[in-house]
């Protein structure tokens, strides 16, 4: 399965570069449309069938409380101290086991991975 990724504005640029060099199709909100609200970010990830990667906990509320449409997966990184390329390594680790995380809201704290099924997951087409 080919994982396409959308990274939120809080995702470090060196990690975006590292993911692209590794062959991932990555859209960065910082580059494409900085300043859009979280609902628009989620909608774009959903429309484009991209995994959403963020450090912003608000996406849990948007998905589970407000019932927004969901992308193939959401990765919430809850790590407070890290190097600029660390997030790329974590995303590659999770995307490497894409079948296990498809349709999930994933929380990664730097050591452990927790996941919860999304309410209305969009199936991810192989590219």
N, C-alpha and C. Protein backbone atom coordinates (compact mmCIF):
# COMPACT_ATOMS: atom_id res chain seq x y z
N UNK A 1 0.84 -1.18 0.00
CA UNK A 1 0.00 0.00 0.00
C UNK A 1 0.88 1.24 0.00
N UNK A 2 0.55 2.18 -0.86
CA UNK A 2 1.26 3.45 -0.89
C UNK A 2 0.56 4.43 0.05
N UNK A 3 1.29 4.94 1.02
CA UNK A 3 0.73 5.88 1.97
C UNK A 3 1.06 7.29 1.50
N UNK A 4 0.00 8.07 1.26
CA UNK A 4 0.17 9.49 0.96
C UNK A 4 -0.05 10.24 2.27
N UNK A 5 0.69 11.31 2.47
CA UNK A 5 0.72 11.98 3.76
C UNK A 5 0.43 13.46 3.61
N UNK A 6 -0.32 14.00 4.57
CA UNK A 6 -0.51 15.43 4.71
C UNK A 6 -0.01 15.80 6.10
N UNK A 7 0.96 16.70 6.18
CA UNK A 7 1.49 17.10 7.47
C UNK A 7 0.98 18.49 7.82
N UNK A 8 0.60 18.64 9.06
CA UNK A 8 0.06 19.89 9.56
C UNK A 8 1.18 20.93 9.70
N UNK A 9 0.80 22.17 9.96
CA UNK A 9 1.77 23.26 10.02
C UNK A 9 2.84 23.08 11.10
N UNK A 10 2.56 22.33 12.11
CA UNK A 10 3.51 22.17 13.20
C UNK A 10 4.54 21.06 12.95
N UNK A 11 4.55 20.50 11.77
CA UNK A 11 5.48 19.43 11.41
C UNK A 11 6.77 20.06 10.87
N UNK A 12 7.94 19.67 11.40
CA UNK A 12 9.19 20.33 10.99
C UNK A 12 9.58 20.11 9.53
N UNK A 13 10.05 21.18 8.91
CA UNK A 13 10.45 21.13 7.50
C UNK A 13 11.52 20.08 7.22
N UNK A 14 12.54 19.89 8.08
CA UNK A 14 13.52 18.84 7.80
C UNK A 14 12.90 17.45 7.72
N UNK A 15 11.84 17.22 8.49
CA UNK A 15 11.16 15.93 8.42
C UNK A 15 10.36 15.79 7.13
N UNK A 16 9.78 16.89 6.65
CA UNK A 16 9.09 16.86 5.36
C UNK A 16 10.08 16.45 4.27
N UNK A 17 11.23 17.08 4.27
CA UNK A 17 12.27 16.76 3.28
C UNK A 17 12.70 15.31 3.37
N UNK A 18 12.93 14.82 4.57
CA UNK A 18 13.36 13.44 4.77
C UNK A 18 12.31 12.45 4.25
N UNK A 19 11.04 12.72 4.51
CA UNK A 19 9.98 11.84 4.00
C UNK A 19 9.96 11.84 2.47
N UNK A 20 10.11 13.00 1.87
CA UNK A 20 10.11 13.07 0.41
C UNK A 20 11.31 12.34 -0.19
N UNK A 21 12.47 12.51 0.41
CA UNK A 21 13.67 11.81 -0.06
C UNK A 21 13.46 10.30 0.04
N UNK A 22 12.73 9.86 1.07
CA UNK A 22 12.45 8.43 1.25
C UNK A 22 11.38 7.92 0.28
N UNK A 23 10.80 8.82 -0.53
CA UNK A 23 9.85 8.40 -1.55
C UNK A 23 8.38 8.61 -1.21
N UNK A 24 8.09 9.25 -0.09
CA UNK A 24 6.69 9.48 0.28
C UNK A 24 6.13 10.69 -0.45
N UNK A 25 4.86 10.61 -0.82
CA UNK A 25 4.11 11.71 -1.41
C UNK A 25 3.59 12.54 -0.23
N UNK A 26 4.22 13.70 0.00
CA UNK A 26 3.91 14.51 1.18
C UNK A 26 3.42 15.88 0.76
N UNK A 27 2.28 16.29 1.31
CA UNK A 27 1.79 17.66 1.19
C UNK A 27 1.96 18.30 2.56
N UNK A 28 2.59 19.46 2.57
CA UNK A 28 2.80 20.22 3.80
C UNK A 28 1.84 21.40 3.81
N UNK A 29 1.03 21.50 4.86
CA UNK A 29 0.12 22.64 4.98
C UNK A 29 0.91 23.95 5.02
N UNK A 30 2.08 23.94 5.64
CA UNK A 30 2.93 25.13 5.70
C UNK A 30 3.27 25.63 4.30
N UNK A 31 3.52 24.72 3.39
CA UNK A 31 3.88 25.09 2.02
C UNK A 31 2.65 25.37 1.15
N UNK A 32 1.61 24.56 1.31
CA UNK A 32 0.47 24.60 0.39
C UNK A 32 -0.57 25.65 0.74
N UNK A 33 -0.89 25.77 2.00
CA UNK A 33 -1.97 26.70 2.39
C UNK A 33 -1.87 27.03 3.87
N UNK A 34 -0.82 27.75 4.26
CA UNK A 34 -0.64 28.08 5.67
C UNK A 34 -1.81 28.88 6.22
N UNK A 35 -2.13 28.60 7.48
CA UNK A 35 -3.16 29.37 8.16
C UNK A 35 -4.58 28.83 8.02
N UNK A 36 -4.80 27.79 7.21
CA UNK A 36 -6.16 27.27 7.12
C UNK A 36 -6.54 26.61 8.44
N UNK A 37 -7.84 26.56 8.72
CA UNK A 37 -8.26 26.01 10.01
C UNK A 37 -8.21 24.49 10.01
N UNK A 38 -8.27 23.93 11.21
CA UNK A 38 -8.12 22.49 11.38
C UNK A 38 -9.16 21.68 10.62
N UNK A 39 -10.38 22.19 10.55
CA UNK A 39 -11.42 21.49 9.79
C UNK A 39 -11.08 21.38 8.32
N UNK A 40 -10.51 22.44 7.75
CA UNK A 40 -10.09 22.42 6.35
C UNK A 40 -8.92 21.46 6.13
N UNK A 41 -8.01 21.41 7.09
CA UNK A 41 -6.89 20.48 7.00
C UNK A 41 -7.42 19.05 6.97
N UNK A 42 -8.33 18.75 7.87
CA UNK A 42 -8.92 17.41 7.94
C UNK A 42 -9.69 17.09 6.66
N UNK A 43 -10.43 18.04 6.15
CA UNK A 43 -11.19 17.82 4.91
C UNK A 43 -10.25 17.56 3.73
N UNK A 44 -9.16 18.31 3.66
CA UNK A 44 -8.21 18.09 2.56
C UNK A 44 -7.60 16.69 2.64
N UNK A 45 -7.18 16.27 3.83
CA UNK A 45 -6.62 14.93 4.01
C UNK A 45 -7.65 13.87 3.61
N UNK A 46 -8.89 14.10 3.95
CA UNK A 46 -9.96 13.15 3.63
C UNK A 46 -10.19 13.08 2.12
N UNK A 47 -10.32 14.23 1.48
CA UNK A 47 -10.55 14.28 0.03
C UNK A 47 -9.42 13.65 -0.76
N UNK A 48 -8.18 13.88 -0.31
CA UNK A 48 -7.02 13.40 -1.05
C UNK A 48 -6.54 12.02 -0.59
N UNK A 49 -7.29 11.42 0.32
CA UNK A 49 -6.95 10.09 0.87
C UNK A 49 -5.51 10.06 1.40
N UNK A 50 -5.19 11.07 2.20
CA UNK A 50 -3.86 11.18 2.80
C UNK A 50 -3.96 10.93 4.30
N UNK A 51 -2.94 10.29 4.84
CA UNK A 51 -2.81 10.18 6.28
C UNK A 51 -2.48 11.56 6.82
N UNK A 52 -3.19 12.00 7.84
CA UNK A 52 -2.92 13.29 8.46
C UNK A 52 -1.95 13.09 9.61
N UNK A 53 -0.88 13.87 9.63
CA UNK A 53 0.11 13.81 10.70
C UNK A 53 0.16 15.18 11.38
N UNK A 54 0.02 15.18 12.71
CA UNK A 54 -0.05 16.44 13.44
C UNK A 54 0.46 16.28 14.86
N UNK A 55 0.77 17.39 15.47
CA UNK A 55 1.07 17.46 16.91
C UNK A 55 -0.12 18.07 17.65
N UNK A 56 -1.17 18.42 16.95
CA UNK A 56 -2.32 19.16 17.47
C UNK A 56 -3.41 18.21 17.95
N UNK A 57 -3.70 18.24 19.24
CA UNK A 57 -4.69 17.32 19.83
C UNK A 57 -6.13 17.66 19.44
N UNK A 58 -6.37 18.82 18.84
CA UNK A 58 -7.73 19.21 18.46
C UNK A 58 -8.37 18.25 17.46
N UNK A 59 -7.57 17.51 16.72
CA UNK A 59 -8.13 16.60 15.72
C UNK A 59 -8.92 15.46 16.35
N UNK A 60 -8.59 15.07 17.55
CA UNK A 60 -9.38 14.05 18.25
C UNK A 60 -10.80 14.54 18.46
N UNK A 61 -10.96 15.79 18.88
CA UNK A 61 -12.29 16.36 19.07
C UNK A 61 -13.03 16.48 17.74
N UNK A 62 -12.35 16.94 16.70
CA UNK A 62 -13.00 17.07 15.40
C UNK A 62 -13.54 15.74 14.90
N UNK A 63 -12.77 14.69 15.09
CA UNK A 63 -13.15 13.38 14.58
C UNK A 63 -14.18 12.69 15.49
N UNK A 64 -13.88 12.62 16.78
CA UNK A 64 -14.69 11.79 17.68
C UNK A 64 -15.85 12.54 18.32
N UNK A 65 -15.76 13.84 18.51
CA UNK A 65 -16.84 14.59 19.15
C UNK A 65 -17.71 15.28 18.10
N UNK A 66 -17.08 15.93 17.15
CA UNK A 66 -17.83 16.70 16.14
C UNK A 66 -18.20 15.89 14.91
N UNK A 67 -17.65 14.69 14.76
CA UNK A 67 -18.04 13.80 13.67
C UNK A 67 -17.58 14.23 12.29
N UNK A 68 -16.47 14.94 12.20
CA UNK A 68 -15.95 15.33 10.89
C UNK A 68 -15.59 14.08 10.07
N UNK A 69 -15.63 14.19 8.75
CA UNK A 69 -15.18 13.07 7.90
C UNK A 69 -13.73 12.75 8.22
N UNK A 70 -13.36 11.51 8.00
CA UNK A 70 -12.01 11.09 8.40
C UNK A 70 -11.18 10.62 7.22
N UNK A 71 -9.89 10.94 7.28
CA UNK A 71 -8.96 10.44 6.26
C UNK A 71 -8.63 8.98 6.53
N UNK A 72 -7.80 8.38 5.74
CA UNK A 72 -7.44 6.96 5.94
C UNK A 72 -6.84 6.68 7.31
N UNK A 73 -6.11 7.65 7.87
CA UNK A 73 -5.54 7.51 9.21
C UNK A 73 -5.15 8.90 9.71
N UNK A 74 -5.11 9.03 11.03
CA UNK A 74 -4.63 10.25 11.67
C UNK A 74 -3.53 9.83 12.63
N UNK A 75 -2.38 10.48 12.52
CA UNK A 75 -1.27 10.23 13.44
C UNK A 75 -1.09 11.48 14.30
N UNK A 76 -1.34 11.33 15.59
CA UNK A 76 -1.12 12.40 16.54
C UNK A 76 0.19 12.11 17.26
N UNK A 77 1.16 12.99 17.07
CA UNK A 77 2.46 12.85 17.72
C UNK A 77 2.42 13.64 19.03
N UNK A 78 2.53 12.93 20.13
CA UNK A 78 2.48 13.58 21.45
C UNK A 78 3.85 13.48 22.10
N UNK A 79 4.82 14.03 21.43
CA UNK A 79 6.20 14.01 21.89
C UNK A 79 6.61 15.47 22.10
N UNK A 80 7.14 15.78 23.25
CA UNK A 80 7.41 17.18 23.58
C UNK A 80 8.83 17.62 23.24
N UNK A 81 9.77 16.70 23.21
CA UNK A 81 11.15 17.05 22.91
C UNK A 81 11.68 16.09 21.85
N UNK A 82 12.16 16.65 20.74
CA UNK A 82 12.61 15.82 19.62
C UNK A 82 13.50 16.64 18.70
N UNK A 83 14.27 15.92 17.90
CA UNK A 83 15.09 16.56 16.88
C UNK A 83 14.27 16.82 15.63
N UNK A 84 14.75 17.68 14.73
CA UNK A 84 13.97 18.07 13.55
C UNK A 84 13.66 16.94 12.58
N UNK A 85 14.45 15.86 12.58
CA UNK A 85 14.16 14.74 11.67
C UNK A 85 13.46 13.58 12.37
N UNK A 86 13.31 13.64 13.69
CA UNK A 86 12.66 12.54 14.41
C UNK A 86 11.23 12.26 13.95
N UNK A 87 10.39 13.29 13.74
CA UNK A 87 9.03 13.00 13.30
C UNK A 87 8.97 12.19 12.00
N UNK A 88 9.87 12.44 11.08
CA UNK A 88 9.89 11.66 9.84
C UNK A 88 10.16 10.19 10.14
N UNK A 89 11.07 9.92 11.04
CA UNK A 89 11.38 8.54 11.41
C UNK A 89 10.15 7.86 12.01
N UNK A 90 9.44 8.55 12.86
CA UNK A 90 8.24 7.98 13.48
C UNK A 90 7.16 7.69 12.44
N UNK A 91 6.97 8.63 11.51
CA UNK A 91 5.95 8.44 10.47
C UNK A 91 6.33 7.25 9.58
N UNK A 92 7.60 7.14 9.23
CA UNK A 92 8.02 6.00 8.40
C UNK A 92 7.82 4.68 9.14
N UNK A 93 8.06 4.67 10.44
CA UNK A 93 7.83 3.47 11.25
C UNK A 93 6.36 3.07 11.18
N UNK A 94 5.46 4.03 11.37
CA UNK A 94 4.03 3.73 11.35
C UNK A 94 3.54 3.39 9.95
N UNK A 95 3.99 4.12 8.95
CA UNK A 95 3.57 3.85 7.57
C UNK A 95 4.10 2.52 7.09
N UNK A 96 5.19 2.06 7.67
CA UNK A 96 5.75 0.76 7.31
C UNK A 96 4.84 -0.40 7.68
N UNK A 97 3.92 -0.15 8.57
CA UNK A 97 2.93 -1.15 8.97
C UNK A 97 1.53 -0.60 8.65
N UNK A 98 1.40 -0.05 7.44
CA UNK A 98 0.19 0.67 7.04
C UNK A 98 -1.09 -0.14 7.20
N UNK A 99 -1.05 -1.41 6.87
CA UNK A 99 -2.27 -2.21 6.98
C UNK A 99 -2.80 -2.27 8.41
N UNK A 100 -1.90 -2.26 9.38
CA UNK A 100 -2.30 -2.32 10.79
C UNK A 100 -2.92 -1.01 11.26
N UNK A 101 -2.56 0.10 10.62
CA UNK A 101 -3.01 1.41 11.09
C UNK A 101 -4.05 2.08 10.20
N UNK A 102 -4.36 1.49 9.08
CA UNK A 102 -5.38 2.05 8.20
C UNK A 102 -6.71 2.10 8.94
N UNK A 103 -7.39 3.25 8.86
CA UNK A 103 -8.67 3.40 9.52
C UNK A 103 -8.56 3.66 11.01
N UNK A 104 -7.39 4.12 11.45
CA UNK A 104 -7.16 4.33 12.88
C UNK A 104 -6.74 5.76 13.19
N UNK A 105 -7.04 6.16 14.40
CA UNK A 105 -6.50 7.38 14.99
C UNK A 105 -5.36 6.90 15.88
N UNK A 106 -4.15 7.27 15.53
CA UNK A 106 -2.95 6.74 16.17
C UNK A 106 -2.34 7.83 17.05
N UNK A 107 -1.99 7.45 18.26
CA UNK A 107 -1.30 8.37 19.16
C UNK A 107 0.06 7.76 19.46
N UNK A 108 1.10 8.51 19.14
CA UNK A 108 2.48 8.06 19.37
C UNK A 108 3.15 9.03 20.33
N UNK A 109 3.70 8.52 21.43
CA UNK A 109 4.31 9.39 22.43
C UNK A 109 5.84 9.31 22.45
N UNK A 110 6.42 8.72 21.44
CA UNK A 110 7.86 8.58 21.38
C UNK A 110 8.32 7.20 21.77
N UNK A 111 7.47 6.48 22.50
CA UNK A 111 7.79 5.13 22.93
C UNK A 111 6.67 4.14 22.62
N UNK A 112 5.45 4.54 22.92
CA UNK A 112 4.33 3.62 22.72
C UNK A 112 3.38 4.14 21.65
N UNK A 113 2.66 3.20 21.07
CA UNK A 113 1.68 3.50 20.03
C UNK A 113 0.33 3.02 20.54
N UNK A 114 -0.64 3.92 20.54
CA UNK A 114 -2.02 3.55 20.85
C UNK A 114 -2.85 3.87 19.61
N UNK A 115 -3.84 3.08 19.34
CA UNK A 115 -4.70 3.38 18.20
C UNK A 115 -6.14 3.09 18.54
N UNK A 116 -7.01 3.80 17.87
CA UNK A 116 -8.45 3.68 18.06
C UNK A 116 -9.08 3.76 16.67
N UNK A 117 -10.06 2.91 16.39
CA UNK A 117 -10.70 2.97 15.07
C UNK A 117 -11.36 4.33 14.84
N UNK A 118 -11.22 4.82 13.63
CA UNK A 118 -11.93 6.03 13.24
C UNK A 118 -13.40 5.70 13.07
N UNK A 119 -14.25 6.68 13.27
CA UNK A 119 -15.69 6.43 13.21
C UNK A 119 -16.17 6.11 11.81
N UNK A 120 -15.68 6.87 10.84
CA UNK A 120 -16.08 6.66 9.44
C UNK A 120 -14.84 6.68 8.56
N UNK A 121 -14.02 5.65 8.67
CA UNK A 121 -12.79 5.69 7.88
C UNK A 121 -13.07 5.62 6.39
N UNK A 122 -12.27 6.32 5.64
CA UNK A 122 -12.30 6.27 4.20
C UNK A 122 -11.31 5.19 3.77
N UNK A 123 -11.72 4.31 2.89
CA UNK A 123 -10.77 3.29 2.45
C UNK A 123 -9.68 3.94 1.61
N UNK A 124 -8.51 3.38 1.67
CA UNK A 124 -7.34 3.94 1.00
C UNK A 124 -7.05 3.11 -0.25
N UNK A 125 -7.10 3.74 -1.40
CA UNK A 125 -6.83 3.03 -2.66
C UNK A 125 -5.33 2.86 -2.83
N UNK A 126 -4.93 1.72 -3.30
CA UNK A 126 -3.53 1.50 -3.63
C UNK A 126 -3.17 2.35 -4.84
N UNK A 127 -2.02 2.97 -4.79
CA UNK A 127 -1.58 3.81 -5.93
C UNK A 127 -0.48 3.12 -6.67
